[in-house]
């Protein structure tokens, strides 16, 4: 897709140092130039890439083997083709995919519209190919659901706010504030300035100095530090119904209670992290080369666990011809456990209105104790992104006939209590019948015997049954050739004349008949599940 998430994250951190200031400034230091570069950040590419553009990406899984992949070995050789379209003017992103796994093809669409992700249901059949069955415990739900499944999340709105920043070739303010805070904590001595370039270089001592200065800065600028944390997480707090000001005060209180960390303690901590290389260089001339190298090693105190992380970024040019490479590699090694190695390499180029990227990914893992190969994974991807200023992307118009809200299936941070078993005498729920949320005058509940109780007419009519009331206390239910008689406040009921017993007597609530869901399961063969605050009924 046009917005390569990993590329953007790395390049945002990298390029923020790269704005070239006038050499006529009054004796700027290297640190002055980097700080000014962040404040006046320019992404250096055409804003159309973040406004209206199309991206074609082809992904090929070249290797997929090892003991952890036994049930998924068929994925080797699989291909995924993506057509991604961005229409930021209308707050719409559309991703159309075509996959080929051993000749088994899947096609579908994914939309992001305002605060909603909209999926064609094929995506869940595709995920099953990858061993991810979201509806494993409720297989009929997917088969009987309508064309579109969607979920809403206020956090998605932040994407469109950030897109506006990118269109202006700017880094979002919350990221810019964080970078400024971090760079300000780096002592001046680790920056240098020559006639051709600015350089930031840290060694082991520099790493320790930065950690110490950062902790001191958090203490002395606690309100600013708290503000940065709140701004980075504002949509999380809004979704959770938490007052950001209260969170800010809580963070400040937490900072006040933090103990003062000595340099000796930092040195002890840093002995487990080795700075092999940390250098950033940027030419002062526009379009000159810029590069960043990071190489960190780490180890446990007893030496039984160790690893490495390396990041290398190089680029040169301006927005009409910006090209470069980046790579991320690392390893983790536990002497009595697994050994894991990974690498990602990308070659990219941004022209006036066209961008290209070629990426390779490799990951291997083995068990050090047995020598067993756990994983050998390889993949390649190539993409072409083009600005299309006339592009218009339309998201589906959702209604109760063509869509189902699956937000309730995704646990949210506000869901702090388990639905099964219930922790109270009765819990108010929603009811979902064959993929549709049913509006009811009274809500389903769970009684103390863990039995879900649902409003009879609303649920049964949604299942295609006929429901009639006969005074003073009879409810007649007709489902095909089956007739069920339920009696208010009585445990006994009749199914085609046979007397049976309810687990919970039917009762009236605000003139609505409430019945145990076990009746629907036993007599109509429906599957009843409790899923994140909902009684899900599928037949």
Protein backbone atom coordinates (compact mmCIF):
# COMPACT_ATOMS: atom_id res chain seq x y z
CA UNK A 1 0.00 0.00 0.00
CA UNK A 2 1.14 3.59 -0.68
CA UNK A 3 1.60 4.24 3.01
CA UNK A 4 4.29 1.79 3.94
CA UNK A 5 3.85 1.80 7.69
CA UNK A 6 7.30 0.56 8.54
CA UNK A 7 8.94 2.84 5.98
CA UNK A 8 7.07 5.87 7.28
CA UNK A 9 7.94 5.21 10.90
CA UNK A 10 11.63 4.79 10.17
CA UNK A 11 11.89 7.62 7.69
CA UNK A 12 9.93 9.97 9.94
CA UNK A 13 12.45 9.42 12.71
CA UNK A 14 15.29 9.62 10.20
CA UNK A 15 14.27 12.51 7.97
CA UNK A 16 13.19 14.73 10.83
CA UNK A 17 16.89 15.51 11.31
CA UNK A 18 17.36 16.36 7.65
CA UNK A 19 15.97 19.85 7.01
CA UNK A 20 18.81 22.04 5.83
CA UNK A 21 18.95 25.51 7.35
CA UNK A 22 20.59 28.58 5.89
CA UNK A 23 24.34 28.66 6.38
CA UNK A 24 23.96 32.36 7.19
CA UNK A 25 22.39 31.58 10.57
CA UNK A 26 24.26 33.02 13.54
CA UNK A 27 26.79 30.28 14.22
CA UNK A 28 24.32 27.39 14.66
CA UNK A 29 25.59 24.26 16.38
CA UNK A 30 24.94 20.77 15.12
CA UNK A 31 22.27 20.32 17.75
CA UNK A 32 20.67 23.64 16.75
CA UNK A 33 20.33 22.39 13.19
CA UNK A 34 18.75 19.08 14.23
CA UNK A 35 16.26 20.78 16.59
CA UNK A 36 15.38 23.34 13.92
CA UNK A 37 15.05 20.51 11.40
CA UNK A 38 12.43 18.83 13.57
CA UNK A 39 10.51 22.06 14.10
CA UNK A 40 10.53 22.77 10.35
CA UNK A 41 10.22 19.16 9.25
CA UNK A 42 9.54 18.54 5.56
CA UNK A 43 8.89 14.99 4.34
CA UNK A 44 10.27 15.96 0.95
CA UNK A 45 7.75 14.11 -1.24
CA UNK A 46 4.68 15.17 -3.18
CA UNK A 47 1.64 15.62 -0.93
CA UNK A 48 -0.45 13.72 -3.47
CA UNK A 49 0.90 10.43 -2.10
CA UNK A 50 -1.09 11.18 1.06
CA UNK A 51 -4.05 12.81 -0.65
CA UNK A 52 -5.15 10.81 -3.72
CA UNK A 53 -3.06 7.89 -4.90
CA UNK A 54 -3.12 4.25 -5.99
CA UNK A 55 -0.67 1.52 -5.09
CA UNK A 56 -0.16 -1.90 -6.68
CA UNK A 57 1.75 -4.38 -4.50
CA UNK A 58 2.64 -8.01 -5.23
CA UNK A 59 3.76 -10.27 -2.38
CA UNK A 60 5.26 -13.73 -2.82
CA UNK A 61 5.95 -16.20 0.00
CA UNK A 62 9.18 -17.85 -1.12
CA UNK A 63 9.92 -19.98 1.95
CA UNK A 64 7.63 -21.40 4.63
CA UNK A 65 8.77 -24.47 6.48
CA UNK A 66 9.69 -25.72 9.92
CA UNK A 67 7.94 -27.54 12.75
CA UNK A 68 5.76 -24.57 13.72
CA UNK A 69 4.39 -24.41 10.16
CA UNK A 70 3.33 -28.04 9.73
CA UNK A 71 -0.33 -27.22 9.24
CA UNK A 72 0.49 -24.24 7.02
CA UNK A 73 3.17 -25.64 4.73
CA UNK A 74 0.82 -25.05 1.78
CA UNK A 75 1.54 -21.33 2.10
CA UNK A 76 4.94 -21.70 0.43
CA UNK A 77 4.64 -20.23 -3.04
CA UNK A 78 1.45 -18.33 -2.18
CA UNK A 79 0.96 -14.91 -3.74
CA UNK A 80 -1.00 -11.84 -2.63
CA UNK A 81 -1.81 -8.98 -4.99
CA UNK A 82 -3.07 -5.72 -3.49
CA UNK A 83 -4.63 -2.66 -5.10
CA UNK A 84 -4.73 0.14 -2.53
CA UNK A 85 -6.55 3.40 -3.17
CA UNK A 86 -6.44 6.51 -0.99
CA UNK A 87 -9.02 9.27 -1.23
CA UNK A 88 -8.21 11.40 1.81
CA UNK A 89 -10.61 14.10 0.58
CA UNK A 90 -13.48 11.74 1.43
CA UNK A 91 -11.70 9.94 4.31
CA UNK A 92 -11.67 6.62 2.43
CA UNK A 93 -9.02 3.96 1.89
CA UNK A 94 -9.86 0.85 -0.12
CA UNK A 95 -7.66 -2.25 -0.35
CA UNK A 96 -8.66 -4.92 -2.87
CA UNK A 97 -6.80 -8.22 -2.56
CA UNK A 98 -6.40 -11.33 -4.67
CA UNK A 99 -4.63 -14.34 -3.20
CA UNK A 100 -3.53 -17.62 -4.71
CA UNK A 101 -2.71 -20.43 -2.30
CA UNK A 102 -2.10 -23.72 -4.11
CA UNK A 103 -4.61 -22.65 -6.77
CA UNK A 104 -7.23 -21.70 -4.18
CA UNK A 105 -8.07 -18.06 -4.85
CA UNK A 106 -9.66 -15.43 -2.64
CA UNK A 107 -10.86 -11.97 -3.60
CA UNK A 108 -12.17 -9.28 -1.32
CA UNK A 109 -12.11 -5.67 -0.24
CA UNK A 110 -11.20 -3.82 2.94
CA UNK A 111 -12.29 -0.23 3.51
CA UNK A 112 -11.37 2.37 6.06
CA UNK A 113 -14.08 5.04 6.11
CA UNK A 114 -14.02 7.72 8.82
CA UNK A 115 -14.03 5.64 12.04
CA UNK A 116 -15.07 2.31 10.50
CA UNK A 117 -13.23 -0.66 9.02
CA UNK A 118 -15.54 -2.41 6.53
CA UNK A 119 -14.73 -5.94 5.38
CA UNK A 120 -16.19 -8.22 2.76
CA UNK A 121 -16.58 -11.50 4.59
CA UNK A 122 -14.15 -13.37 2.33
CA UNK A 123 -11.33 -11.93 4.44
CA UNK A 124 -12.28 -14.35 7.23
CA UNK A 125 -12.20 -17.33 4.86
CA UNK A 126 -8.75 -16.12 3.77
CA UNK A 127 -7.56 -15.86 7.36
CA UNK A 128 -8.54 -19.51 7.85
CA UNK A 129 -5.99 -20.35 5.13
CA UNK A 130 -3.40 -18.75 7.41
CA UNK A 131 -4.62 -20.70 10.45
CA UNK A 132 -6.58 -17.80 11.96
CA UNK A 133 -10.23 -18.73 12.39
CA UNK A 134 -12.01 -15.79 14.03
CA UNK A 135 -15.30 -17.71 14.11
CA UNK A 136 -13.99 -21.11 15.13
CA UNK A 137 -16.50 -21.33 17.98
CA UNK A 138 -19.37 -20.01 15.89
CA UNK A 139 -18.92 -21.38 12.33
CA UNK A 140 -22.47 -20.66 11.19
CA UNK A 141 -22.14 -16.95 11.93
CA UNK A 142 -19.91 -16.26 8.94
CA UNK A 143 -21.89 -18.37 6.47
CA UNK A 144 -25.14 -16.66 7.38
CA UNK A 145 -23.82 -13.12 7.77
CA UNK A 146 -24.52 -10.47 5.10
CA UNK A 147 -22.05 -9.11 2.54
CA UNK A 148 -20.23 -6.62 4.78
CA UNK A 149 -18.87 -6.90 8.30
CA UNK A 150 -17.70 -3.73 10.01
CA UNK A 151 -16.31 -2.44 13.26
CA UNK A 152 -16.05 1.08 14.62
CA UNK A 153 -13.24 2.62 16.62
CA UNK A 154 -12.70 6.28 17.46
CA UNK A 155 -8.94 5.76 17.17
CA UNK A 156 -9.27 5.47 13.39
CA UNK A 157 -10.02 9.19 13.26
CA UNK A 158 -6.40 9.89 14.15
CA UNK A 159 -5.37 8.44 10.78
CA UNK A 160 -7.14 11.25 8.94
CA UNK A 161 -5.68 13.90 11.23
CA UNK A 162 -2.20 12.52 10.59
CA UNK A 163 -2.92 12.35 6.86
CA UNK A 164 -3.47 16.11 6.87
CA UNK A 165 -0.03 16.57 8.41
CA UNK A 166 1.55 14.32 5.78
CA UNK A 167 -0.24 16.23 3.01
CA UNK A 168 1.50 19.34 4.30
CA UNK A 169 4.72 17.29 4.35
CA UNK A 170 4.76 17.66 8.13
CA UNK A 171 5.15 15.20 10.95
CA UNK A 172 2.04 15.06 13.24
CA UNK A 173 2.53 17.44 16.17
CA UNK A 174 2.45 14.70 18.80
CA UNK A 175 5.38 12.90 17.13
CA UNK A 176 7.25 16.14 16.58
CA UNK A 177 6.91 17.05 20.27
CA UNK A 178 8.21 13.62 21.29
CA UNK A 179 11.23 13.88 18.99
CA UNK A 180 12.07 17.36 20.24
CA UNK A 181 11.90 16.16 23.83
CA UNK A 182 14.25 13.26 23.08
CA UNK A 183 16.76 15.28 21.04
CA UNK A 184 16.87 18.03 23.66
CA UNK A 185 18.05 15.40 26.15
CA UNK A 186 21.15 14.61 24.05
CA UNK A 187 24.19 16.56 25.28
CA UNK A 188 25.70 19.06 22.85
CA UNK A 189 29.03 17.25 22.79
CA UNK A 190 27.62 14.38 20.75
CA UNK A 191 26.72 16.66 17.83
CA UNK A 192 29.27 17.97 15.37
CA UNK A 193 29.08 20.36 12.42
CA UNK A 194 31.41 20.69 9.45
CA UNK A 195 31.19 22.70 6.26
CA UNK A 196 29.41 19.82 4.52
CA UNK A 197 27.36 17.91 7.07
CA UNK A 198 25.86 17.65 10.55
CA UNK A 199 26.60 14.54 12.59
CA UNK A 200 25.11 12.95 15.70
CA UNK A 201 27.16 10.11 17.17
CA UNK A 202 26.69 8.21 20.43
CA UNK A 203 29.02 5.71 22.04
CA UNK A 204 28.44 3.72 25.23
CA UNK A 205 29.10 6.73 27.45
CA UNK A 206 26.86 8.86 25.26
CA UNK A 207 24.07 6.33 25.61
CA UNK A 208 24.36 6.50 29.40
CA UNK A 209 24.43 10.32 29.32
CA UNK A 210 21.28 10.46 27.21
CA UNK A 211 19.39 8.08 29.53
CA UNK A 212 20.42 10.10 32.58
CA UNK A 213 19.53 13.44 30.96
CA UNK A 214 16.21 12.09 29.76
CA UNK A 215 15.22 10.95 33.25
CA UNK A 216 16.23 14.31 34.69
CA UNK A 217 14.32 16.11 31.95
CA UNK A 218 11.17 14.10 32.67
CA UNK A 219 11.45 15.09 36.33
CA UNK A 220 12.09 18.78 35.69
CA UNK A 221 9.62 19.09 32.80
CA UNK A 222 6.97 16.75 34.13
CA UNK A 223 3.99 18.72 32.79
CA UNK A 224 5.46 18.75 29.29
CA UNK A 225 6.30 15.04 29.50
CA UNK A 226 2.77 14.23 30.69
CA UNK A 227 1.29 16.34 27.88
CA UNK A 228 3.29 14.39 25.29
CA UNK A 229 2.08 11.05 26.67
CA UNK A 230 -1.54 12.23 26.72
CA UNK A 231 -1.39 13.57 23.15
CA UNK A 232 0.12 10.34 21.86
CA UNK A 233 -2.75 8.36 23.40
CA UNK A 234 -5.66 10.81 23.22
CA UNK A 235 -7.91 8.55 21.15
CA UNK A 236 -7.31 5.63 23.50
CA UNK A 237 -8.42 7.78 26.42
CA UNK A 238 -11.47 9.08 24.57
CA UNK A 239 -12.57 5.55 23.69
CA UNK A 240 -12.13 4.49 27.32
CA UNK A 241 -14.13 7.49 28.52
CA UNK A 242 -11.17 8.81 30.52
CA UNK A 243 -10.65 12.52 31.06
CA UNK A 244 -7.26 13.42 29.49
CA UNK A 245 -6.68 16.10 32.13
CA UNK A 246 -7.13 13.54 34.87
CA UNK A 247 -4.68 11.20 33.15
CA UNK A 248 -2.22 14.07 32.83
CA UNK A 249 -2.42 14.77 36.55
CA UNK A 250 -2.01 11.06 37.31
CA UNK A 251 1.13 10.95 35.15
CA UNK A 252 2.53 14.02 36.89
CA UNK A 253 1.84 12.42 40.27
CA UNK A 254 3.59 9.26 39.06
CA UNK A 255 6.62 11.26 37.93
CA UNK A 256 6.78 13.00 41.33
CA UNK A 257 6.88 9.62 43.01
CA UNK A 258 9.66 8.29 40.75
CA UNK A 259 12.93 7.71 42.60
CA UNK A 260 15.99 9.61 41.43
CA UNK A 261 18.13 7.26 39.35
CA UNK A 262 21.87 7.64 39.87
CA UNK A 263 24.49 7.44 37.13
CA UNK A 264 25.83 4.29 38.79
CA UNK A 265 22.44 2.61 38.41
CA UNK A 266 22.28 3.67 34.77
CA UNK A 267 25.75 2.31 34.16
CA UNK A 268 24.70 -1.02 35.67
CA UNK A 269 21.65 -1.14 33.39
CA UNK A 270 23.64 -0.11 30.31
CA UNK A 271 26.11 -2.95 30.91
CA UNK A 272 23.42 -5.21 29.45
CA UNK A 273 23.04 -3.02 26.34
CA UNK A 274 26.06 -2.50 24.10
CA UNK A 275 26.11 0.44 21.68
CA UNK A 276 28.18 -0.87 18.78
CA UNK A 277 27.16 1.95 16.46
CA UNK A 278 24.83 4.97 16.58
CA UNK A 279 25.52 7.63 13.99
CA UNK A 280 23.41 9.98 11.92
CA UNK A 281 24.90 12.15 9.18
CA UNK A 282 23.13 14.62 6.88
CA UNK A 283 24.62 16.76 4.14
CA UNK A 284 23.97 20.49 4.43
CA UNK A 285 23.41 20.87 0.70
CA UNK A 286 19.81 20.19 -0.48
CA UNK A 287 19.49 16.68 -1.85
CA UNK A 288 22.78 15.57 -0.37
CA UNK A 289 23.25 12.13 1.20
CA UNK A 290 21.81 11.27 4.58
CA UNK A 291 22.44 8.09 6.50
CA UNK A 292 21.66 6.53 9.85
CA UNK A 293 23.31 3.49 11.42
CA UNK A 294 22.17 1.83 14.63
CA UNK A 295 23.71 -1.35 16.02
CA UNK A 296 22.74 -2.41 19.55
CA UNK A 297 23.64 -5.61 21.35
CA UNK A 298 22.04 -6.92 24.51
CA UNK A 299 22.65 -9.74 26.94
CA UNK A 300 21.26 -11.08 30.20
CA UNK A 301 23.38 -10.82 33.38
CA UNK A 302 24.32 -14.52 33.27
CA UNK A 303 25.00 -14.53 29.52
CA UNK A 304 22.36 -17.17 28.79
CA UNK A 305 20.38 -14.82 26.55
CA UNK A 306 21.71 -12.34 24.02
CA UNK A 307 20.86 -10.60 20.80
CA UNK A 308 21.34 -7.72 18.42
CA UNK A 309 19.31 -5.10 16.59
CA UNK A 310 20.65 -3.19 13.59
CA UNK A 311 19.04 -0.46 11.48
CA UNK A 312 20.68 1.12 8.43
CA UNK A 313 19.06 3.90 6.36
CA UNK A 314 20.62 5.72 3.42
CA UNK A 315 19.01 8.17 1.03
CA UNK A 316 19.88 10.95 -1.35
CA UNK A 317 17.97 13.40 -3.51
CA UNK A 318 14.96 15.67 -3.29
CA UNK A 319 11.24 15.12 -3.84
CA UNK A 320 11.57 14.88 -7.65
CA UNK A 321 14.04 12.03 -7.23
CA UNK A 322 14.41 10.78 -3.67
CA UNK A 323 15.94 7.32 -3.49
CA UNK A 324 17.45 5.16 -0.86
CA UNK A 325 17.55 1.91 1.07
CA UNK A 326 16.79 0.77 4.56
CA UNK A 327 17.38 -2.48 6.38
CA UNK A 328 16.39 -3.88 9.74
CA UNK A 329 18.01 -7.01 11.09
CA UNK A 330 18.39 -8.72 14.40
CA UNK A 331 18.79 -11.90 16.30
CA UNK A 332 17.82 -13.41 19.62
CA UNK A 333 19.67 -16.36 21.11
CA UNK A 334 18.78 -18.29 24.26
CA UNK A 335 21.39 -20.96 24.97
CA UNK A 336 18.78 -23.36 26.34
CA UNK A 337 15.95 -22.18 24.10
CA UNK A 338 15.29 -20.78 20.66
CA UNK A 339 17.58 -18.94 18.30
CA UNK A 340 15.83 -16.41 16.06
CA UNK A 341 17.19 -14.34 13.17
CA UNK A 342 15.35 -11.86 10.97
CA UNK A 343 16.09 -9.30 8.29
CA UNK A 344 14.13 -6.83 6.19
CA UNK A 345 15.67 -4.97 3.26
CA UNK A 346 14.01 -2.34 1.09
CA UNK A 347 15.06 -0.31 -1.94
CA UNK A 348 12.80 2.69 -2.64
CA UNK A 349 12.47 5.67 -4.96
CA UNK A 350 10.08 8.64 -4.97
CA UNK A 351 9.74 10.55 -8.23
CA UNK A 352 7.48 13.50 -8.97
CA UNK A 353 4.24 11.49 -8.75
CA UNK A 354 5.43 7.87 -8.80
CA UNK A 355 7.13 5.77 -6.14
CA UNK A 356 8.65 2.30 -6.22
CA UNK A 357 9.71 -0.09 -3.48
CA UNK A 358 11.21 -3.59 -3.52
CA UNK A 359 11.33 -5.45 -0.22
CA UNK A 360 12.63 -8.81 0.97
CA UNK A 361 11.94 -10.40 4.36
CA UNK A 362 13.71 -13.38 5.89
CA UNK A 363 13.24 -15.07 9.27
CA UNK A 364 14.64 -18.29 10.69
CA UNK A 365 14.31 -19.99 14.06
CA UNK A 366 15.67 -23.16 15.57
CA UNK A 367 15.71 -24.91 18.94
CA UNK A 368 19.22 -24.72 20.43
CA UNK A 369 18.62 -27.73 22.66
CA UNK A 370 17.52 -30.14 19.88
CA UNK A 371 18.71 -28.45 16.68
CA UNK A 372 15.17 -28.67 15.35
CA UNK A 373 14.24 -26.17 12.62
CA UNK A 374 11.27 -24.22 13.93
CA UNK A 375 10.80 -21.75 11.11
CA UNK A 376 12.26 -20.80 7.76
CA UNK A 377 10.29 -17.92 6.26
CA UNK A 378 11.01 -15.79 3.22
CA UNK A 379 8.93 -13.29 1.25
CA UNK A 380 9.38 -10.65 -1.42
CA UNK A 381 7.22 -7.63 -2.22
CA UNK A 382 7.34 -5.03 -4.94
CA UNK A 383 5.07 -2.02 -5.19
CA UNK A 384 4.34 0.95 -7.40
CA UNK A 385 2.46 3.98 -6.11
CA UNK A 386 1.11 6.72 -8.35
CA UNK A 387 -0.56 10.00 -7.51
CA UNK A 388 -4.03 10.22 -9.10
CA UNK A 389 -5.52 13.64 -8.42
CA UNK A 390 -8.87 12.68 -10.01
CA UNK A 391 -9.35 9.54 -7.93
CA UNK A 392 -12.67 9.13 -6.12
CA UNK A 393 -13.15 6.12 -3.83
CA UNK A 394 -16.63 5.26 -2.58
CA UNK A 395 -17.16 3.13 0.50
CA UNK A 396 -20.28 0.90 0.71
CA UNK A 397 -23.46 2.43 2.07
CA UNK A 398 -24.18 0.25 5.09
CA UNK A 399 -27.66 -0.79 6.20
CA UNK A 400 -29.19 -3.57 8.29
CA UNK A 401 -29.78 -5.71 5.19
CA UNK A 402 -26.25 -5.70 3.79
CA UNK A 403 -24.03 -5.41 6.89
CA UNK A 404 -23.33 -6.62 10.39
CA UNK A 405 -21.58 -4.73 13.17
CA UNK A 406 -18.86 -7.00 14.61
CA UNK A 407 -17.45 -4.40 16.98
CA UNK A 408 -18.83 -6.42 19.88
CA UNK A 409 -16.60 -9.35 18.85
CA UNK A 410 -13.46 -7.26 19.38
CA UNK A 411 -12.61 -6.84 23.07
CA UNK A 412 -12.15 -3.18 23.94
CA UNK A 413 -10.12 -1.65 26.77
CA UNK A 414 -13.33 -0.66 28.50
CA UNK A 415 -14.42 -4.31 28.82
CA UNK A 416 -12.98 -5.03 32.22
CA UNK A 417 -15.27 -7.83 33.33
CA UNK A 418 -15.72 -11.36 32.04
CA UNK A 419 -19.10 -12.30 30.65
CA UNK A 420 -18.77 -15.96 31.57
CA UNK A 421 -19.28 -16.71 34.35
CA UNK A 422 -21.36 -13.66 35.27
CA UNK A 423 -20.28 -11.74 38.33
CA UNK A 424 -23.70 -10.30 39.18
CA UNK A 425 -27.27 -11.52 39.53
CA UNK A 426 -28.19 -10.11 36.12
CA UNK A 427 -26.13 -8.44 33.40
CA UNK A 428 -27.60 -6.28 30.64
CA UNK A 429 -26.56 -7.50 27.17
CA UNK A 430 -27.30 -7.03 23.49
CA UNK A 431 -28.68 -9.77 21.26
CA UNK A 432 -27.36 -10.75 17.82
CA UNK A 433 -29.43 -13.07 15.62
CA UNK A 434 -27.77 -14.53 12.51
CA UNK A 435 -25.30 -11.67 12.41
CA UNK A 436 -27.74 -8.81 13.02
CA UNK A 437 -28.03 -6.81 16.22
CA UNK A 438 -31.70 -6.89 17.25
CA UNK A 439 -33.25 -3.78 18.77
CA UNK A 440 -35.38 -4.78 21.77
CA UNK A 441 -37.47 -2.95 24.35
CA UNK A 442 -35.86 -5.02 27.09
CA UNK A 443 -32.32 -6.30 27.10
CA UNK A 444 -31.22 -9.93 27.44
CA UNK A 445 -29.83 -10.84 30.84
CA UNK A 446 -28.00 -13.66 32.57
CA UNK A 447 -29.57 -15.25 35.62
CA UNK A 448 -27.68 -16.64 38.58
CA UNK A 449 -27.58 -20.12 37.03
CA UNK A 450 -25.59 -18.65 34.10
CA UNK A 451 -28.60 -19.01 31.80
CA UNK A 452 -29.09 -16.21 29.27
CA UNK A 453 -32.66 -14.87 29.12
CA UNK A 454 -33.87 -13.19 25.92
CA UNK A 455 -37.05 -11.35 24.79
CA UNK A 456 -39.10 -14.01 23.01
CA UNK A 457 -40.93 -12.08 20.27
CA UNK A 458 -37.98 -9.96 19.08
CA UNK A 459 -35.61 -12.93 18.88
CA UNK A 460 -37.98 -15.55 17.51
CA UNK A 461 -39.47 -13.30 14.84
CA UNK A 462 -35.95 -12.41 13.74
CA UNK A 463 -35.46 -16.16 13.27
CA UNK A 464 -38.59 -16.41 11.09
CA UNK A 465 -40.92 -17.82 13.74
CA UNK A 466 -44.49 -16.69 14.41
CA UNK A 467 -45.24 -15.60 17.97
CA UNK A 468 -48.76 -15.06 19.41
CA UNK A 469 -49.96 -14.09 22.87
CA UNK A 470 -53.10 -15.64 24.39
CA UNK A 471 -54.38 -14.22 27.66
CA UNK A 472 -53.95 -14.77 30.46
CA UNK A 473 -50.52 -16.47 30.28
CA UNK A 474 -49.84 -18.41 27.07
CA UNK A 475 -47.27 -17.76 24.33
CA UNK A 476 -47.66 -19.80 21.12
CA UNK A 477 -44.56 -20.18 18.95
CA UNK A 478 -44.77 -21.63 15.43
CA UNK A 479 -41.58 -22.64 13.63
CA UNK A 480 -42.29 -24.62 10.48
CA UNK A 481 -44.06 -27.81 11.54
CA UNK A 482 -43.25 -27.30 15.23
CA UNK A 483 -45.59 -25.64 17.72
CA UNK A 484 -44.32 -24.62 21.14
CA UNK A 485 -46.51 -23.49 24.04
CA UNK A 486 -44.87 -21.52 26.83
CA UNK A 487 -46.69 -20.53 30.04
CA UNK A 488 -45.73 -17.41 32.00
CA UNK A 489 -44.23 -18.11 35.45
CA UNK A 490 -44.28 -21.88 34.83
CA UNK A 491 -41.38 -24.24 34.26
CA UNK A 492 -43.37 -26.62 32.08
CA UNK A 493 -43.89 -26.06 28.37
CA UNK A 494 -45.15 -28.14 25.40
CA UNK A 495 -43.40 -28.90 22.10
CA UNK A 496 -45.76 -30.54 19.59
CA UNK A 497 -47.84 -31.72 22.52
CA UNK A 498 -44.97 -33.23 24.52
CA UNK A 499 -44.47 -31.77 27.99
CA UNK A 500 -40.99 -30.56 28.79
CA UNK A 501 -39.26 -28.43 31.44
CA UNK A 502 -37.59 -25.03 31.12
CA UNK A 503 -34.34 -24.36 32.94
CA UNK A 504 -35.79 -20.99 33.99
CA UNK A 505 -39.55 -20.21 33.99
CA UNK A 506 -40.74 -17.73 31.39
CA UNK A 507 -41.75 -14.36 32.85
CA UNK A 508 -42.99 -10.92 31.82
CA UNK A 509 -40.86 -7.81 31.90
CA UNK A 510 -42.60 -4.54 30.91
CA UNK A 511 -45.20 -6.65 29.04
CA UNK A 512 -42.52 -8.57 27.12
CA UNK A 513 -42.15 -12.33 27.44
CA UNK A 514 -38.67 -13.40 28.51
CA UNK A 515 -37.54 -16.98 27.84
CA UNK A 516 -34.31 -18.91 28.50
CA UNK A 517 -32.11 -19.20 25.40
CA UNK A 518 -31.79 -22.94 26.08
CA UNK A 519 -35.37 -23.30 24.76
CA UNK A 520 -34.24 -21.86 21.40
CA UNK A 521 -31.25 -24.18 21.38
CA UNK A 522 -33.16 -27.34 22.25
CA UNK A 523 -36.28 -26.81 20.13
CA UNK A 524 -34.97 -24.83 17.16
CA UNK A 525 -31.40 -26.12 16.99
CA UNK A 526 -29.80 -22.67 17.23
CA UNK A 527 -26.28 -22.17 18.58
CA UNK A 528 -26.20 -19.81 21.59
CA UNK A 529 -23.00 -18.06 22.64
CA UNK A 530 -21.96 -15.29 25.00
CA UNK A 531 -19.40 -13.11 23.20
CA UNK A 532 -18.06 -9.89 24.73
CA UNK A 533 -21.31 -8.46 25.98
CA UNK A 534 -23.67 -10.08 23.46
CA UNK A 535 -25.94 -13.12 23.29
CA UNK A 536 -25.13 -14.45 19.81
CA UNK A 537 -27.82 -16.71 18.32
CA UNK A 538 -27.06 -18.47 15.04
CA UNK A 539 -29.20 -20.89 13.07
